[in-house]
Amino acid sequence: MWIIIRALGYFVEFLELMILIRVIMSWIPNARYSRFYDTIYSITEPILEPIRELMFRYFNTGPIDISPIIAYFLIKIVYLILVRILIGVVF
């Protein structure tokens, strides 16, 4: 069971790193035209797009996109809940 928890932790760290790289690359003018950015975009967009839609629908955040921040916290919360469930199954 600890292997599953550790693998889940690595996956969460990977997603967080991809979101951070995407945020940093969004500040670089020509980064959006690279293949690396396309890969990062395809990994992170399924996570960020629903959050962005909800933010647009219910909160007017203007030109500032805070979906990466919200995604980071949601990923952490889901991870902690899953770890608690998995630890509860073991003990």
PDB file of N, CA and C in Angstrom:
ATOM      1  N   MET A   1       0.817  -1.193   0.000  1.00  0.00           N
ATOM      2  CA  MET A   1       0.000   0.000   0.000  1.00  0.00           C
ATOM      3  C   MET A   1       0.864   1.262   0.000  1.00  0.00           C
ATOM      4  N   TRP A   2       2.024   1.168   0.683  1.00  0.00           N
ATOM      5  CA  TRP A   2       2.904   2.337   0.734  1.00  0.00           C
ATOM      6  C   TRP A   2       3.459   2.674  -0.641  1.00  0.00           C
ATOM      7  N   ILE A   3       3.581   1.662  -1.487  1.00  0.00           N
ATOM      8  CA  ILE A   3       4.054   1.906  -2.856  1.00  0.00           C
ATOM      9  C   ILE A   3       3.030   2.743  -3.614  1.00  0.00           C
ATOM     10  N   ILE A   4       1.763   2.456  -3.407  1.00  0.00           N
ATOM     11  CA  ILE A   4       0.702   3.218  -4.069  1.00  0.00           C
ATOM     12  C   ILE A   4       0.702   4.666  -3.569  1.00  0.00           C
ATOM     13  N   ILE A   5       0.864   4.839  -2.273  1.00  0.00           N
ATOM     14  CA  ILE A   5       0.893   6.193  -1.711  1.00  0.00           C
ATOM     15  C   ILE A   5       2.092   6.964  -2.247  1.00  0.00           C
ATOM     16  N   ARG A   6       3.247   6.301  -2.316  1.00  0.00           N
ATOM     17  CA  ARG A   6       4.439   6.977  -2.831  1.00  0.00           C
ATOM     18  C   ARG A   6       4.279   7.315  -4.310  1.00  0.00           C
ATOM     19  N   ALA A   7       3.724   6.391  -5.099  1.00  0.00           N
ATOM     20  CA  ALA A   7       3.500   6.659  -6.528  1.00  0.00           C
ATOM     21  C   ALA A   7       2.514   7.809  -6.707  1.00  0.00           C
ATOM     22  N   LEU A   8       1.489   7.835  -5.891  1.00  0.00           N
ATOM     23  CA  LEU A   8       0.524   8.934  -5.942  1.00  0.00           C
ATOM     24  C   LEU A   8       1.199  10.257  -5.585  1.00  0.00           C
ATOM     25  N   GLY A   9       2.089  10.226  -4.618  1.00  0.00           N
ATOM     26  CA  GLY A   9       2.834  11.425  -4.245  1.00  0.00           C
ATOM     27  C   GLY A   9       3.716  11.924  -5.377  1.00  0.00           C
ATOM     28  N   TYR A  10       4.387  10.994  -6.070  1.00  0.00           N
ATOM     29  CA  TYR A  10       5.218  11.382  -7.215  1.00  0.00           C
ATOM     30  C   TYR A  10       4.369  11.975  -8.334  1.00  0.00           C
ATOM     31  N   PHE A  11       3.194  11.397  -8.548  1.00  0.00           N
ATOM     32  CA  PHE A  11       2.302  11.903  -9.586  1.00  0.00           C
ATOM     33  C   PHE A  11       1.828  13.318  -9.252  1.00  0.00           C
ATOM     34  N   VAL A  12       1.498  13.551  -8.000  1.00  0.00           N
ATOM     35  CA  VAL A  12       1.063  14.881  -7.563  1.00  0.00           C
ATOM     36  C   VAL A  12       2.200  15.885  -7.729  1.00  0.00           C
ATOM     37  N   GLU A  13       3.408  15.498  -7.347  1.00  0.00           N
ATOM     38  CA  GLU A  13       4.556  16.392  -7.527  1.00  0.00           C
ATOM     39  C   GLU A  13       4.797  16.694  -9.002  1.00  0.00           C
ATOM     40  N   PHE A  14       4.613  15.691  -9.848  1.00  0.00           N
ATOM     41  CA  PHE A  14       4.765  15.885 -11.287  1.00  0.00           C
ATOM     42  C   PHE A  14       3.746  16.898 -11.805  1.00  0.00           C
ATOM     43  N   LEU A  15       2.486  16.749 -11.407  1.00  0.00           N
ATOM     44  CA  LEU A  15       1.450  17.691 -11.846  1.00  0.00           C
ATOM     45  C   LEU A  15       1.734  19.104 -11.350  1.00  0.00           C
ATOM     46  N   GLU A  16       2.148  19.220 -10.110  1.00  0.00           N
ATOM     47  CA  GLU A  16       2.471  20.544  -9.571  1.00  0.00           C
ATOM     48  C   GLU A  16       3.636  21.177 -10.322  1.00  0.00           C
ATOM     49  N   LEU A  17       4.640  20.380 -10.651  1.00  0.00           N
ATOM     50  CA  LEU A  17       5.781  20.894 -11.406  1.00  0.00           C
ATOM     51  C   LEU A  17       5.359  21.334 -12.803  1.00  0.00           C
ATOM     52  N   MET A  18       4.483  20.567 -13.448  1.00  0.00           N
ATOM     53  CA  MET A  18       4.016  20.934 -14.787  1.00  0.00           C
ATOM     54  C   MET A  18       3.230  22.244 -14.748  1.00  0.00           C
ATOM     55  N   ILE A  19       2.412  22.420 -13.726  1.00  0.00           N
ATOM     56  CA  ILE A  19       1.656  23.671 -13.591  1.00  0.00           C
ATOM     57  C   ILE A  19       2.608  24.839 -13.353  1.00  0.00           C
ATOM     58  N   LEU A  20       3.607  24.637 -12.513  1.00  0.00           N
ATOM     59  CA  LEU A  20       4.585  25.698 -12.257  1.00  0.00           C
ATOM     60  C   LEU A  20       5.360  26.057 -13.525  1.00  0.00           C
ATOM     61  N   ILE A  21       5.777  25.057 -14.281  1.00  0.00           N
ATOM     62  CA  ILE A  21       6.491  25.320 -15.533  1.00  0.00           C
ATOM     63  C   ILE A  21       5.596  26.078 -16.500  1.00  0.00           C
ATOM     64  N   ARG A  22       4.328  25.704 -16.563  1.00  0.00           N
ATOM     65  CA  ARG A  22       3.412  26.408 -17.465  1.00  0.00           C
ATOM     66  C   ARG A  22       3.246  27.872 -17.062  1.00  0.00           C
ATOM     67  N   VAL A  23       3.140  28.131 -15.771  1.00  0.00           N
ATOM     68  CA  VAL A  23       3.011  29.513 -15.306  1.00  0.00           C
ATOM     69  C   VAL A  23       4.258  30.312 -15.669  1.00  0.00           C
ATOM     70  N   ILE A  24       5.418  29.740 -15.425  1.00  0.00           N
ATOM     71  CA  ILE A  24       6.665  30.446 -15.747  1.00  0.00           C
ATOM     72  C   ILE A  24       6.787  30.663 -17.249  1.00  0.00           C
ATOM     73  N   MET A  25       6.429  29.657 -18.041  1.00  0.00           N
ATOM     74  CA  MET A  25       6.532  29.796 -19.493  1.00  0.00           C
ATOM     75  C   MET A  25       5.520  30.791 -20.042  1.00  0.00           C
ATOM     76  N   SER A  26       4.442  31.030 -19.324  1.00  0.00           N
ATOM     77  CA  SER A  26       3.465  32.009 -19.807  1.00  0.00           C
ATOM     78  C   SER A  26       4.022  33.428 -19.745  1.00  0.00           C
ATOM     79  N   TRP A  27       5.068  33.631 -18.974  1.00  0.00           N
ATOM     80  CA  TRP A  27       5.694  34.949 -18.885  1.00  0.00           C
ATOM     81  C   TRP A  27       6.743  35.164 -19.966  1.00  0.00           C
ATOM     82  N   ILE A  28       7.119  34.097 -20.664  1.00  0.00           N
ATOM     83  CA  ILE A  28       8.136  34.189 -21.714  1.00  0.00           C
ATOM     84  C   ILE A  28       7.413  34.410 -23.037  1.00  0.00           C
ATOM     85  N   PRO A  29       7.740  35.472 -23.775  1.00  0.00           N
ATOM     86  CA  PRO A  29       6.950  35.860 -24.954  1.00  0.00           C
ATOM     87  C   PRO A  29       6.793  34.778 -26.027  1.00  0.00           C
ATOM     88  N   ASN A  30       7.849  34.132 -26.447  1.00  0.00           N
ATOM     89  CA  ASN A  30       7.748  33.188 -27.563  1.00  0.00           C
ATOM     90  C   ASN A  30       7.685  31.736 -27.129  1.00  0.00           C
ATOM     91  N   ALA A  31       7.502  31.478 -25.860  1.00  0.00           N
ATOM     92  CA  ALA A  31       7.500  30.102 -25.362  1.00  0.00           C
ATOM     93  C   ALA A  31       6.289  29.314 -25.847  1.00  0.00           C
ATOM     94  N   ARG A  32       5.212  29.991 -26.160  1.00  0.00           N
ATOM     95  CA  ARG A  32       3.994  29.285 -26.571  1.00  0.00           C
ATOM     96  C   ARG A  32       4.115  28.600 -27.925  1.00  0.00           C
ATOM     97  N   TYR A  33       5.154  28.916 -28.646  1.00  0.00           N
ATOM     98  CA  TYR A  33       5.322  28.340 -29.975  1.00  0.00           C
ATOM     99  C   TYR A  33       6.277  27.155 -29.974  1.00  0.00           C
ATOM    100  N   SER A  34       6.662  26.681 -28.806  1.00  0.00           N
ATOM    101  CA  SER A  34       7.593  25.558 -28.740  1.00  0.00           C
ATOM    102  C   SER A  34       6.839  24.246 -28.527  1.00  0.00           C
ATOM    103  N   ARG A  35       7.475  23.176 -28.898  1.00  0.00           N
ATOM    104  CA  ARG A  35       6.887  21.844 -28.724  1.00  0.00           C
ATOM    105  C   ARG A  35       6.816  21.489 -27.237  1.00  0.00           C
ATOM    106  N   PHE A  36       7.806  21.943 -26.479  1.00  0.00           N
ATOM    107  CA  PHE A  36       7.814  21.691 -25.037  1.00  0.00           C
ATOM    108  C   PHE A  36       6.583  22.315 -24.374  1.00  0.00           C
ATOM    109  N   TYR A  37       6.252  23.538 -24.766  1.00  0.00           N
ATOM    110  CA  TYR A  37       5.070  24.193 -24.214  1.00  0.00           C
ATOM    111  C   TYR A  37       3.802  23.437 -24.614  1.00  0.00           C
ATOM    112  N   ASP A  38       3.761  22.933 -25.829  1.00  0.00           N
ATOM    113  CA  ASP A  38       2.595  22.156 -26.259  1.00  0.00           C
ATOM    114  C   ASP A  38       2.403  20.920 -25.379  1.00  0.00           C
ATOM    115  N   THR A  39       3.509  20.282 -25.021  1.00  0.00           N
ATOM    116  CA  THR A  39       3.430  19.109 -24.149  1.00  0.00           C
ATOM    117  C   THR A  39       2.927  19.500 -22.761  1.00  0.00           C
ATOM    118  N   ILE A  40       3.490  20.556 -22.213  1.00  0.00           N
ATOM    119  CA  ILE A  40       3.058  21.038 -20.894  1.00  0.00           C
ATOM    120  C   ILE A  40       1.583  21.442 -20.939  1.00  0.00           C
ATOM    121  N   TYR A  41       1.196  22.109 -22.004  1.00  0.00           N
ATOM    122  CA  TYR A  41      -0.187  22.549 -22.176  1.00  0.00           C
ATOM    123  C   TYR A  41      -1.136  21.346 -22.207  1.00  0.00           C
ATOM    124  N   SER A  42      -0.773  20.314 -22.954  1.00  0.00           N
ATOM    125  CA  SER A  42      -1.655  19.149 -23.068  1.00  0.00           C
ATOM    126  C   SER A  42      -1.764  18.385 -21.749  1.00  0.00           C
ATOM    127  N   ILE A  43      -0.762  18.485 -20.895  1.00  0.00           N
ATOM    128  CA  ILE A  43      -0.824  17.825 -19.593  1.00  0.00           C
ATOM    129  C   ILE A  43      -1.656  18.639 -18.605  1.00  0.00           C
ATOM    130  N   THR A  44      -1.502  19.949 -18.618  1.00  0.00           N
ATOM    131  CA  THR A  44      -2.129  20.784 -17.590  1.00  0.00           C
ATOM    132  C   THR A  44      -3.506  21.328 -17.962  1.00  0.00           C
ATOM    133  N   GLU A  45      -3.794  21.446 -19.223  1.00  0.00           N
ATOM    134  CA  GLU A  45      -5.064  22.064 -19.625  1.00  0.00           C
ATOM    135  C   GLU A  45      -6.295  21.293 -19.152  1.00  0.00           C
ATOM    136  N   PRO A  46      -6.301  19.948 -19.164  1.00  0.00           N
ATOM    137  CA  PRO A  46      -7.483  19.251 -18.621  1.00  0.00           C
ATOM    138  C   PRO A  46      -7.739  19.537 -17.141  1.00  0.00           C
ATOM    139  N   ILE A  47      -6.724  19.953 -16.423  1.00  0.00           N
ATOM    140  CA  ILE A  47      -6.890  20.307 -15.015  1.00  0.00           C
ATOM    141  C   ILE A  47      -7.317  21.764 -14.875  1.00  0.00           C
ATOM    142  N   LEU A  48      -6.693  22.641 -15.646  1.00  0.00           N
ATOM    143  CA  LEU A  48      -6.916  24.077 -15.476  1.00  0.00           C
ATOM    144  C   LEU A  48      -8.200  24.579 -16.138  1.00  0.00           C
ATOM    145  N   GLU A  49      -8.600  23.990 -17.235  1.00  0.00           N
ATOM    146  CA  GLU A  49      -9.760  24.497 -17.982  1.00  0.00           C
ATOM    147  C   GLU A  49     -11.063  24.452 -17.178  1.00  0.00           C
ATOM    148  N   PRO A  50     -11.405  23.339 -16.509  1.00  0.00           N
ATOM    149  CA  PRO A  50     -12.651  23.361 -15.713  1.00  0.00           C
ATOM    150  C   PRO A  50     -12.620  24.397 -14.591  1.00  0.00           C
ATOM    151  N   ILE A  51     -11.463  24.567 -13.979  1.00  0.00           N
ATOM    152  CA  ILE A  51     -11.343  25.573 -12.923  1.00  0.00           C
ATOM    153  C   ILE A  51     -11.516  26.963 -13.511  1.00  0.00           C
ATOM    154  N   ARG A  52     -10.907  27.189 -14.660  1.00  0.00           N
ATOM    155  CA  ARG A  52     -11.018  28.491 -15.329  1.00  0.00           C
ATOM    156  C   ARG A  52     -12.466  28.777 -15.709  1.00  0.00           C
ATOM    157  N   GLU A  53     -13.188  27.773 -16.184  1.00  0.00           N
ATOM    158  CA  GLU A  53     -14.601  27.946 -16.540  1.00  0.00           C
ATOM    159  C   GLU A  53     -15.440  28.302 -15.315  1.00  0.00           C
ATOM    160  N   LEU A  54     -15.204  27.612 -14.204  1.00  0.00           N
ATOM    161  CA  LEU A  54     -15.944  27.924 -12.983  1.00  0.00           C
ATOM    162  C   LEU A  54     -15.624  29.326 -12.480  1.00  0.00           C
ATOM    163  N   MET A  55     -14.362  29.702 -12.558  1.00  0.00           N
ATOM    164  CA  MET A  55     -13.978  31.047 -12.121  1.00  0.00           C
ATOM    165  C   MET A  55     -14.628  32.106 -13.005  1.00  0.00           C
ATOM    166  N   PHE A  56     -14.685  31.848 -14.290  1.00  0.00           N
ATOM    167  CA  PHE A  56     -15.297  32.803 -15.206  1.00  0.00           C
ATOM    168  C   PHE A  56     -16.800  32.905 -14.962  1.00  0.00           C
ATOM    169  N   ARG A  57     -17.423  31.768 -14.675  1.00  0.00           N
ATOM    170  CA  ARG A  57     -18.873  31.743 -14.503  1.00  0.00           C
ATOM    171  C   ARG A  57     -19.317  32.389 -13.188  1.00  0.00           C
ATOM    172  N   TYR A  58     -18.611  32.103 -12.105  1.00  0.00           N
ATOM    173  CA  TYR A  58     -19.091  32.538 -10.792  1.00  0.00           C
ATOM    174  C   TYR A  58     -18.337  33.719 -10.187  1.00  0.00           C
ATOM    175  N   PHE A  59     -17.109  33.916 -10.599  1.00  0.00           N
ATOM    176  CA  PHE A  59     -16.302  35.014 -10.049  1.00  0.00           C
ATOM    177  C   PHE A  59     -15.681  35.766 -11.207  1.00  0.00           C
ATOM    178  N   ASN A  60     -15.720  37.065 -11.121  1.00  0.00           N
ATOM    179  CA  ASN A  60     -15.102  37.868 -12.166  1.00  0.00           C
ATOM    180  C   ASN A  60     -13.686  38.221 -11.718  1.00  0.00           C
ATOM    181  N   THR A  61     -12.719  37.424 -12.157  1.00  0.00           N
ATOM    182  CA  THR A  61     -11.333  37.673 -11.761  1.00  0.00           C
ATOM    183  C   THR A  61     -10.627  38.606 -12.726  1.00  0.00           C
ATOM    184  N   GLY A  62     -11.315  39.022 -13.765  1.00  0.00           N
ATOM    185  CA  GLY A  62     -10.717  39.942 -14.729  1.00  0.00           C
ATOM    186  C   GLY A  62      -9.635  39.266 -15.550  1.00  0.00           C
ATOM    187  N   PRO A  63      -8.598  40.005 -15.885  1.00  0.00           N
ATOM    188  CA  PRO A  63      -7.561  39.438 -16.747  1.00  0.00           C
ATOM    189  C   PRO A  63      -6.569  38.539 -16.009  1.00  0.00           C
ATOM    190  N   ILE A  64      -6.716  38.411 -14.700  1.00  0.00           N
ATOM    191  CA  ILE A  64      -5.787  37.589 -13.927  1.00  0.00           C
ATOM    192  C   ILE A  64      -6.329  36.169 -13.842  1.00  0.00           C
ATOM    193  N   ASP A  65      -5.514  35.216 -14.273  1.00  0.00           N
ATOM    194  CA  ASP A  65      -5.900  33.808 -14.245  1.00  0.00           C
ATOM    195  C   ASP A  65      -5.317  33.170 -12.989  1.00  0.00           C
ATOM    196  N   ILE A  66      -6.184  32.893 -12.027  1.00  0.00           N
ATOM    197  CA  ILE A  66      -5.716  32.276 -10.794  1.00  0.00           C
ATOM    198  C   ILE A  66      -6.000  30.777 -10.767  1.00  0.00           C
ATOM    199  N   SER A  67      -6.386  30.210 -11.901  1.00  0.00           N
ATOM    200  CA  SER A  67      -6.677  28.782 -11.946  1.00  0.00           C
ATOM    201  C   SER A  67      -5.475  27.915 -11.584  1.00  0.00           C
ATOM    202  N   PRO A  68      -4.223  28.272 -11.917  1.00  0.00           N
ATOM    203  CA  PRO A  68      -3.108  27.433 -11.460  1.00  0.00           C
ATOM    204  C   PRO A  68      -2.971  27.386  -9.939  1.00  0.00           C
ATOM    205  N   ILE A  69      -3.254  28.488  -9.275  1.00  0.00           N
ATOM    206  CA  ILE A  69      -3.170  28.513  -7.811  1.00  0.00           C
ATOM    207  C   ILE A  69      -4.249  27.619  -7.212  1.00  0.00           C
ATOM    208  N   ILE A  70      -5.458  27.744  -7.729  1.00  0.00           N
ATOM    209  CA  ILE A  70      -6.563  26.926  -7.234  1.00  0.00           C
ATOM    210  C   ILE A  70      -6.311  25.459  -7.541  1.00  0.00           C
ATOM    211  N   ALA A  71      -5.799  25.159  -8.732  1.00  0.00           N
ATOM    212  CA  ALA A  71      -5.494  23.777  -9.100  1.00  0.00           C
ATOM    213  C   ALA A  71      -4.451  23.184  -8.165  1.00  0.00           C
ATOM    214  N   TYR A  72      -3.437  23.963  -7.837  1.00  0.00           N
ATOM    215  CA  TYR A  72      -2.395  23.488  -6.928  1.00  0.00           C
ATOM    216  C   TYR A  72      -3.004  23.070  -5.590  1.00  0.00           C
ATOM    217  N   PHE A  73      -3.852  23.921  -5.021  1.00  0.00           N
ATOM    218  CA  PHE A  73      -4.458  23.606  -3.731  1.00  0.00           C
ATOM    219  C   PHE A  73      -5.445  22.443  -3.833  1.00  0.00           C
ATOM    220  N   LEU A  74      -6.216  22.379  -4.909  1.00  0.00           N
ATOM    221  CA  LEU A  74      -7.147  21.259  -5.077  1.00  0.00           C
ATOM    222  C   LEU A  74      -6.412  19.932  -5.231  1.00  0.00           C
ATOM    223  N   ILE A  75      -5.318  19.941  -5.975  1.00  0.00           N
ATOM    224  CA  ILE A  75      -4.522  18.720  -6.133  1.00  0.00           C
ATOM    225  C   ILE A  75      -3.989  18.269  -4.775  1.00  0.00           C
ATOM    226  N   LYS A  76      -3.492  19.209  -3.985  1.00  0.00           N
ATOM    227  CA  LYS A  76      -2.984  18.877  -2.648  1.00  0.00           C
ATOM    228  C   LYS A  76      -4.089  18.321  -1.751  1.00  0.00           C
ATOM    229  N   ILE A  77      -5.260  18.946  -1.777  1.00  0.00           N
ATOM    230  CA  ILE A  77      -6.367  18.497  -0.932  1.00  0.00           C
ATOM    231  C   ILE A  77      -6.812  17.097  -1.329  1.00  0.00           C
ATOM    232  N   VAL A  78      -6.963  16.854  -2.625  1.00  0.00           N
ATOM    233  CA  VAL A  78      -7.371  15.527  -3.095  1.00  0.00           C
ATOM    234  C   VAL A  78      -6.320  14.490  -2.721  1.00  0.00           C
ATOM    235  N   TYR A  79      -5.050  14.845  -2.860  1.00  0.00           N
ATOM    236  CA  TYR A  79      -3.971  13.927  -2.493  1.00  0.00           C
ATOM    237  C   TYR A  79      -4.044  13.574  -1.008  1.00  0.00           C
ATOM    238  N   LEU A  80      -4.211  14.569  -0.155  1.00  0.00           N
ATOM    239  CA  LEU A  80      -4.272  14.304   1.281  1.00  0.00           C
ATOM    240  C   LEU A  80      -5.479  13.452   1.650  1.00  0.00           C
ATOM    241  N   ILE A  81      -6.603  13.694   1.001  1.00  0.00           N
ATOM    242  CA  ILE A  81      -7.796  12.875   1.257  1.00  0.00           C
ATOM    243  C   ILE A  81      -7.559  11.437   0.824  1.00  0.00           C
ATOM    244  N   LEU A  82      -6.971  11.245  -0.361  1.00  0.00           N
ATOM    245  CA  LEU A  82      -6.698   9.888  -0.841  1.00  0.00           C
ATOM    246  C   LEU A  82      -5.700   9.159   0.052  1.00  0.00           C
ATOM    247  N   VAL A  83      -4.696   9.858   0.528  1.00  0.00           N
ATOM    248  CA  VAL A  83      -3.725   9.229   1.429  1.00  0.00           C
ATOM    249  C   VAL A  83      -4.400   8.814   2.727  1.00  0.00           C
ATOM    250  N   ARG A  84      -5.255   9.664   3.265  1.00  0.00           N
ATOM    251  CA  ARG A  84      -5.987   9.307   4.492  1.00  0.00           C
ATOM    252  C   ARG A  84      -6.864   8.074   4.270  1.00  0.00           C
ATOM    253  N   ILE A  85      -7.512   8.016   3.110  1.00  0.00           N
ATOM    254  CA  ILE A  85      -8.353   6.856   2.802  1.00  0.00           C
ATOM    255  C   ILE A  85      -7.501   5.603   2.681  1.00  0.00           C
ATOM    256  N   LEU A  86      -6.380   5.698   1.966  1.00  0.00           N
ATOM    257  CA  LEU A  86      -5.516   4.534   1.789  1.00  0.00           C
ATOM    258  C   LEU A  86      -4.893   4.088   3.104  1.00  0.00           C
ATOM    259  N   ILE A  87      -4.510   5.016   3.950  1.00  0.00           N
ATOM    260  CA  ILE A  87      -3.966   4.642   5.257  1.00  0.00           C
ATOM    261  C   ILE A  87      -5.057   4.011   6.115  1.00  0.00           C
ATOM    262  N   GLY A  88      -6.277   4.515   5.998  1.00  0.00           N
ATOM    263  CA  GLY A  88      -7.394   3.933   6.730  1.00  0.00           C
ATOM    264  C   GLY A  88      -7.705   2.517   6.287  1.00  0.00           C
ATOM    265  N   VAL A  89      -7.461   2.214   5.017  1.00  0.00           N
ATOM    266  CA  VAL A  89      -7.688   0.864   4.504  1.00  0.00           C
ATOM    267  C   VAL A  89      -6.639  -0.085   5.060  1.00  0.00           C
ATOM    268  N   VAL A  90      -5.407   0.391   5.198  1.00  0.00           N
ATOM    269  CA  VAL A  90      -4.314  -0.453   5.679  1.00  0.00           C
ATOM    270  C   VAL A  90      -4.479  -0.776   7.154  1.00  0.00           C
ATOM    271  N   PHE A  91      -4.834   0.230   7.954  1.00  0.00           N
ATOM    272  CA  PHE A  91      -4.902   0.010   9.403  1.00  0.00           C
ATOM    273  C   PHE A  91      -6.307  -0.170   9.829  1.00  0.00           C
TER     274      PHE A  91
END
